N, C-alpha and C. Protein backbone atom coordinates (compact mmCIF):
# COMPACT_ATOMS: atom_id res chain seq x y z
N MET A 1 -25.79 30.38 -10.07
CA MET A 1 -25.96 29.23 -9.00
C MET A 1 -25.39 28.26 -9.42
N LEU A 2 -25.33 27.35 -8.53
CA LEU A 2 -24.63 26.10 -8.97
C LEU A 2 -25.11 24.94 -8.89
N ASP A 3 -25.48 23.99 -9.47
CA ASP A 3 -26.13 23.06 -9.46
C ASP A 3 -24.88 21.90 -9.09
N VAL A 4 -25.42 21.26 -7.94
CA VAL A 4 -24.26 20.01 -7.23
C VAL A 4 -25.66 18.97 -7.66
N ILE A 5 -24.49 18.06 -8.12
CA ILE A 5 -24.43 16.61 -8.35
C ILE A 5 -24.18 15.73 -7.97
N LYS A 6 -24.65 14.43 -8.51
CA LYS A 6 -23.72 12.89 -7.12
C LYS A 6 -22.93 12.68 -8.30
N ASN A 7 -21.75 12.78 -7.82
CA ASN A 7 -20.58 12.18 -8.47
C ASN A 7 -20.71 10.98 -8.40
N GLY A 8 -20.36 9.92 -9.39
CA GLY A 8 -20.21 8.74 -9.47
C GLY A 8 -19.39 7.58 -8.65
N THR A 9 -18.64 8.07 -7.82
CA THR A 9 -17.07 7.40 -7.26
C THR A 9 -17.74 6.63 -5.95
N ASP A 10 -16.89 5.70 -6.08
CA ASP A 10 -17.26 4.77 -4.67
C ASP A 10 -17.04 5.52 -3.42
N LYS A 11 -17.11 6.32 -3.20
CA LYS A 11 -16.77 7.24 -1.89
C LYS A 11 -18.33 8.27 -2.00
N GLY A 12 -19.01 8.31 -3.09
CA GLY A 12 -20.41 8.95 -3.07
C GLY A 12 -19.52 10.41 -2.58
N GLY A 13 -18.66 10.75 -3.20
CA GLY A 13 -18.64 12.35 -2.72
C GLY A 13 -19.43 13.02 -3.73
N ILE A 14 -19.27 14.56 -3.70
CA ILE A 14 -20.28 15.60 -4.60
C ILE A 14 -19.28 16.62 -5.52
N THR A 15 -19.78 16.72 -6.25
CA THR A 15 -19.23 17.92 -7.38
C THR A 15 -19.93 19.11 -7.87
N TYR A 16 -19.41 20.18 -8.08
CA TYR A 16 -20.72 21.17 -8.80
C TYR A 16 -20.00 21.36 -10.37
N VAL A 17 -21.14 21.63 -11.04
CA VAL A 17 -21.35 22.25 -12.25
C VAL A 17 -21.69 23.71 -12.21
N PRO A 18 -20.63 24.17 -12.89
CA PRO A 18 -20.43 25.60 -12.71
C PRO A 18 -21.69 26.36 -13.54
N SER A 19 -22.27 27.61 -13.52
CA SER A 19 -23.49 27.63 -14.15
C SER A 19 -22.58 28.55 -15.39
N PRO A 20 -23.53 28.54 -16.59
CA PRO A 20 -22.78 28.79 -17.77
C PRO A 20 -23.52 30.29 -17.80
N VAL A 21 -23.49 31.30 -16.81
CA VAL A 21 -23.98 32.49 -16.98
C VAL A 21 -22.30 33.45 -16.41
N SER A 22 -22.18 34.16 -17.29
CA SER A 22 -20.63 34.88 -16.52
C SER A 22 -20.53 35.48 -15.09
N VAL A 23 -19.97 35.63 -14.95
CA VAL A 23 -19.89 36.38 -13.52
C VAL A 23 -18.87 38.03 -13.58
N MET A 24 -19.48 39.01 -13.07
CA MET A 24 -18.91 39.96 -13.34
C MET A 24 -18.38 40.60 -12.20
N TYR A 25 -16.93 40.88 -12.19
CA TYR A 25 -16.27 41.28 -10.81
C TYR A 25 -15.66 42.19 -10.91
N LYS A 26 -15.18 43.05 -9.58
CA LYS A 26 -14.51 44.28 -9.57
C LYS A 26 -13.43 44.07 -10.10
N GLU A 27 -12.46 43.18 -9.07
CA GLU A 27 -10.85 43.09 -9.18
C GLU A 27 -10.89 41.45 -8.26
N ILE A 28 -9.62 41.13 -8.98
CA ILE A 28 -8.78 39.75 -8.25
C ILE A 28 -7.69 40.16 -7.57
N PHE A 29 -7.39 39.74 -6.78
CA PHE A 29 -6.48 39.66 -5.90
C PHE A 29 -6.07 38.29 -5.67
N SER A 30 -4.32 38.36 -5.66
CA SER A 30 -4.04 36.51 -5.87
C SER A 30 -2.73 36.98 -5.08
N ILE A 31 -2.12 35.86 -4.12
CA ILE A 31 -0.91 35.62 -3.87
C ILE A 31 -0.50 34.29 -4.32
N GLU A 32 0.90 34.63 -5.13
CA GLU A 32 1.66 33.30 -5.87
C GLU A 32 2.96 33.70 -4.79
N ILE A 33 3.78 32.52 -5.14
CA ILE A 33 5.23 32.21 -4.62
C ILE A 33 6.18 32.46 -5.68
N ASN A 34 7.49 33.01 -5.16
CA ASN A 34 8.03 33.57 -6.26
C ASN A 34 9.38 32.24 -6.15
N LYS A 35 10.16 32.35 -7.13
CA LYS A 35 11.18 31.29 -7.19
C LYS A 35 12.06 31.02 -5.67
N SER A 36 12.32 32.01 -5.14
CA SER A 36 12.91 31.88 -3.83
C SER A 36 12.12 31.74 -2.52
N GLY A 37 10.79 31.15 -3.02
CA GLY A 37 9.87 30.91 -1.93
C GLY A 37 8.94 32.37 -1.01
N ARG A 38 9.26 33.26 -1.67
CA ARG A 38 8.98 34.61 -0.94
C ARG A 38 7.16 34.63 -1.33
N LEU A 39 6.47 34.71 -0.48
CA LEU A 39 5.00 35.16 -0.97
C LEU A 39 4.82 37.06 -1.46
N GLN A 40 4.15 37.09 -2.61
CA GLN A 40 3.89 38.29 -3.88
C GLN A 40 2.63 38.38 -3.38
N TYR A 41 1.77 39.85 -3.64
CA TYR A 41 0.60 40.01 -3.49
C TYR A 41 0.53 40.63 -4.87
N TYR A 42 -0.95 40.39 -5.73
CA TYR A 42 -0.82 41.24 -6.59
C TYR A 42 -2.41 41.55 -6.55
N LYS A 43 -2.92 42.54 -7.50
CA LYS A 43 -4.27 43.03 -7.54
C LYS A 43 -4.49 43.30 -9.26
N GLN A 44 -5.77 42.66 -9.34
CA GLN A 44 -5.80 42.94 -11.40
C GLN A 44 -7.39 43.56 -11.00
N SER A 45 -7.51 44.61 -11.59
CA SER A 45 -8.79 45.34 -11.66
C SER A 45 -9.23 44.82 -12.84
N PHE A 46 -10.83 44.85 -13.44
CA PHE A 46 -11.47 44.51 -14.41
C PHE A 46 -10.82 44.98 -15.83
N ASP A 47 -10.74 44.41 -16.77
CA ASP A 47 -9.71 44.78 -17.74
C ASP A 47 -8.49 45.39 -18.09
N GLU A 48 -7.73 45.54 -16.62
CA GLU A 48 -6.35 46.11 -16.80
C GLU A 48 -5.62 45.49 -16.20
N LYS A 49 -4.23 45.81 -16.40
CA LYS A 49 -2.98 44.61 -16.03
C LYS A 49 -3.08 44.63 -14.72
N ARG A 50 -2.02 43.15 -14.00
CA ARG A 50 -2.25 42.83 -13.12
C ARG A 50 -1.06 43.72 -12.36
N ILE A 51 -1.39 44.62 -11.36
CA ILE A 51 0.23 44.94 -10.11
C ILE A 51 0.20 44.63 -9.07
N ARG A 52 1.52 44.83 -8.83
CA ARG A 52 2.03 44.19 -7.45
C ARG A 52 1.69 45.05 -6.32
N ILE A 53 1.25 44.68 -5.21
CA ILE A 53 0.83 45.18 -3.87
C ILE A 53 1.66 44.84 -2.33
N THR A 54 1.21 45.65 -1.61
CA THR A 54 1.91 45.40 -0.32
C THR A 54 1.03 44.38 0.29
N LYS A 55 1.69 43.57 1.43
CA LYS A 55 1.02 42.78 2.35
C LYS A 55 -0.29 43.19 2.90
N THR A 56 0.32 44.86 3.36
CA THR A 56 -0.78 45.31 4.31
C THR A 56 -2.03 45.74 3.47
N GLU A 57 -1.57 45.82 2.54
CA GLU A 57 -2.86 46.26 1.54
C GLU A 57 -3.95 45.15 0.96
N PHE A 58 -2.97 43.74 0.69
CA PHE A 58 -3.76 42.85 0.74
C PHE A 58 -4.45 42.02 1.85
N SER A 59 -4.04 42.63 3.09
CA SER A 59 -4.67 42.23 4.31
C SER A 59 -5.86 42.86 4.43
N LYS A 60 -5.90 44.39 4.18
CA LYS A 60 -6.92 45.18 4.68
C LYS A 60 -8.30 44.91 3.61
N VAL A 61 -7.80 44.79 2.22
CA VAL A 61 -8.81 44.06 1.54
C VAL A 61 -9.69 43.15 1.77
N TYR A 62 -9.04 42.19 1.95
CA TYR A 62 -9.31 40.76 2.69
C TYR A 62 -10.21 40.86 3.64
N ASN A 63 -9.90 41.85 4.56
CA ASN A 63 -10.55 41.77 5.74
C ASN A 63 -11.66 42.32 5.46
N SER A 64 -11.94 43.43 4.72
CA SER A 64 -13.13 44.57 4.87
C SER A 64 -13.89 44.62 3.14
N SER A 65 -13.19 43.60 2.28
CA SER A 65 -14.16 43.24 0.78
C SER A 65 -15.11 42.78 1.10
N ARG A 66 -16.18 43.29 -0.09
CA ARG A 66 -17.37 42.07 -0.32
C ARG A 66 -16.45 41.49 -1.12
N ILE A 67 -16.43 39.84 -1.03
CA ILE A 67 -15.93 39.10 -1.44
C ILE A 67 -16.78 37.94 -2.25
N MET A 68 -17.09 37.49 -3.49
CA MET A 68 -17.99 36.68 -3.95
C MET A 68 -17.24 35.33 -4.74
N ALA A 69 -15.84 35.34 -4.65
CA ALA A 69 -15.25 34.15 -4.78
C ALA A 69 -14.06 33.85 -4.20
N ILE A 70 -13.79 32.60 -3.82
CA ILE A 70 -12.21 32.42 -3.61
C ILE A 70 -11.71 30.84 -4.32
N GLU A 71 -10.36 31.26 -4.66
CA GLU A 71 -10.00 29.69 -5.60
C GLU A 71 -9.16 29.46 -5.23
N PRO A 72 -8.45 28.41 -4.07
CA PRO A 72 -7.34 28.02 -4.03
C PRO A 72 -6.74 27.13 -5.02
N ILE A 73 -5.18 27.81 -4.85
CA ILE A 73 -4.79 27.03 -6.42
C ILE A 73 -3.58 26.21 -5.91
N GLN A 74 -3.36 25.06 -6.60
CA GLN A 74 -2.74 23.94 -5.92
C GLN A 74 -1.47 24.04 -6.92
N ILE A 75 -0.24 23.92 -6.47
CA ILE A 75 1.43 24.03 -7.29
C ILE A 75 1.92 22.85 -6.82
N SER A 76 2.05 21.80 -7.54
CA SER A 76 3.42 20.80 -7.05
C SER A 76 4.44 21.37 -7.41
N SER A 77 5.53 21.01 -7.05
CA SER A 77 6.89 21.76 -7.12
C SER A 77 7.73 20.72 -6.56
N SER A 78 9.19 20.85 -6.94
CA SER A 78 10.04 19.62 -6.39
C SER A 78 10.21 19.80 -5.07
N SER A 79 9.92 21.12 -4.55
CA SER A 79 10.18 21.20 -3.04
C SER A 79 8.58 21.00 -2.07
N GLY A 80 7.82 20.51 -2.57
CA GLY A 80 6.31 19.88 -2.41
C GLY A 80 4.94 20.78 -2.82
N ASN A 81 3.90 20.61 -2.33
CA ASN A 81 2.85 21.27 -2.53
C ASN A 81 2.50 22.81 -2.00
N HIS A 82 2.16 23.58 -3.13
CA HIS A 82 1.80 24.71 -2.03
C HIS A 82 0.21 25.13 -2.65
N PHE A 83 -0.23 25.49 -1.81
CA PHE A 83 -1.63 26.56 -1.88
C PHE A 83 -1.35 27.75 -2.05
N LEU A 84 -2.16 28.29 -3.22
CA LEU A 84 -2.02 29.75 -3.44
C LEU A 84 -3.43 30.19 -2.90
N LEU A 85 -3.59 31.26 -2.99
CA LEU A 85 -5.31 31.83 -3.28
C LEU A 85 -5.31 33.17 -4.24
N LYS A 86 -6.56 32.86 -4.51
CA LYS A 86 -7.42 34.05 -5.42
C LYS A 86 -8.51 34.22 -4.72
N PHE A 87 -8.79 35.75 -4.99
CA PHE A 87 -9.91 35.87 -4.37
C PHE A 87 -10.64 37.18 -5.10
N PHE A 88 -12.32 36.83 -5.71
CA PHE A 88 -12.59 37.64 -6.51
C PHE A 88 -13.72 38.82 -5.73
N THR A 89 -13.71 40.57 -6.10
CA THR A 89 -14.46 41.25 -5.42
C THR A 89 -15.47 41.83 -6.19
N TYR A 90 -16.63 42.19 -5.69
CA TYR A 90 -17.32 43.17 -6.37
C TYR A 90 -18.00 44.14 -5.88
């Protein structure tokens, strides 16, 4: 459970405090950009090494799995900001 607290900024935004209880997940799927700008898709099972998968496999999992969390990742580089995606399944 996430506890929502009021942020002390002028804009009155809110932020969250993550629960100290660890979350058990089955697999992590992620998309990353390589140096040439192409997307690469990865799968990592619990306590195993990350392996590269196809875009089709990634799409099937994203559209049919029970996703418990999504983590957008912002990367700043000389060519601009990129947003990548990581999601956890159970």
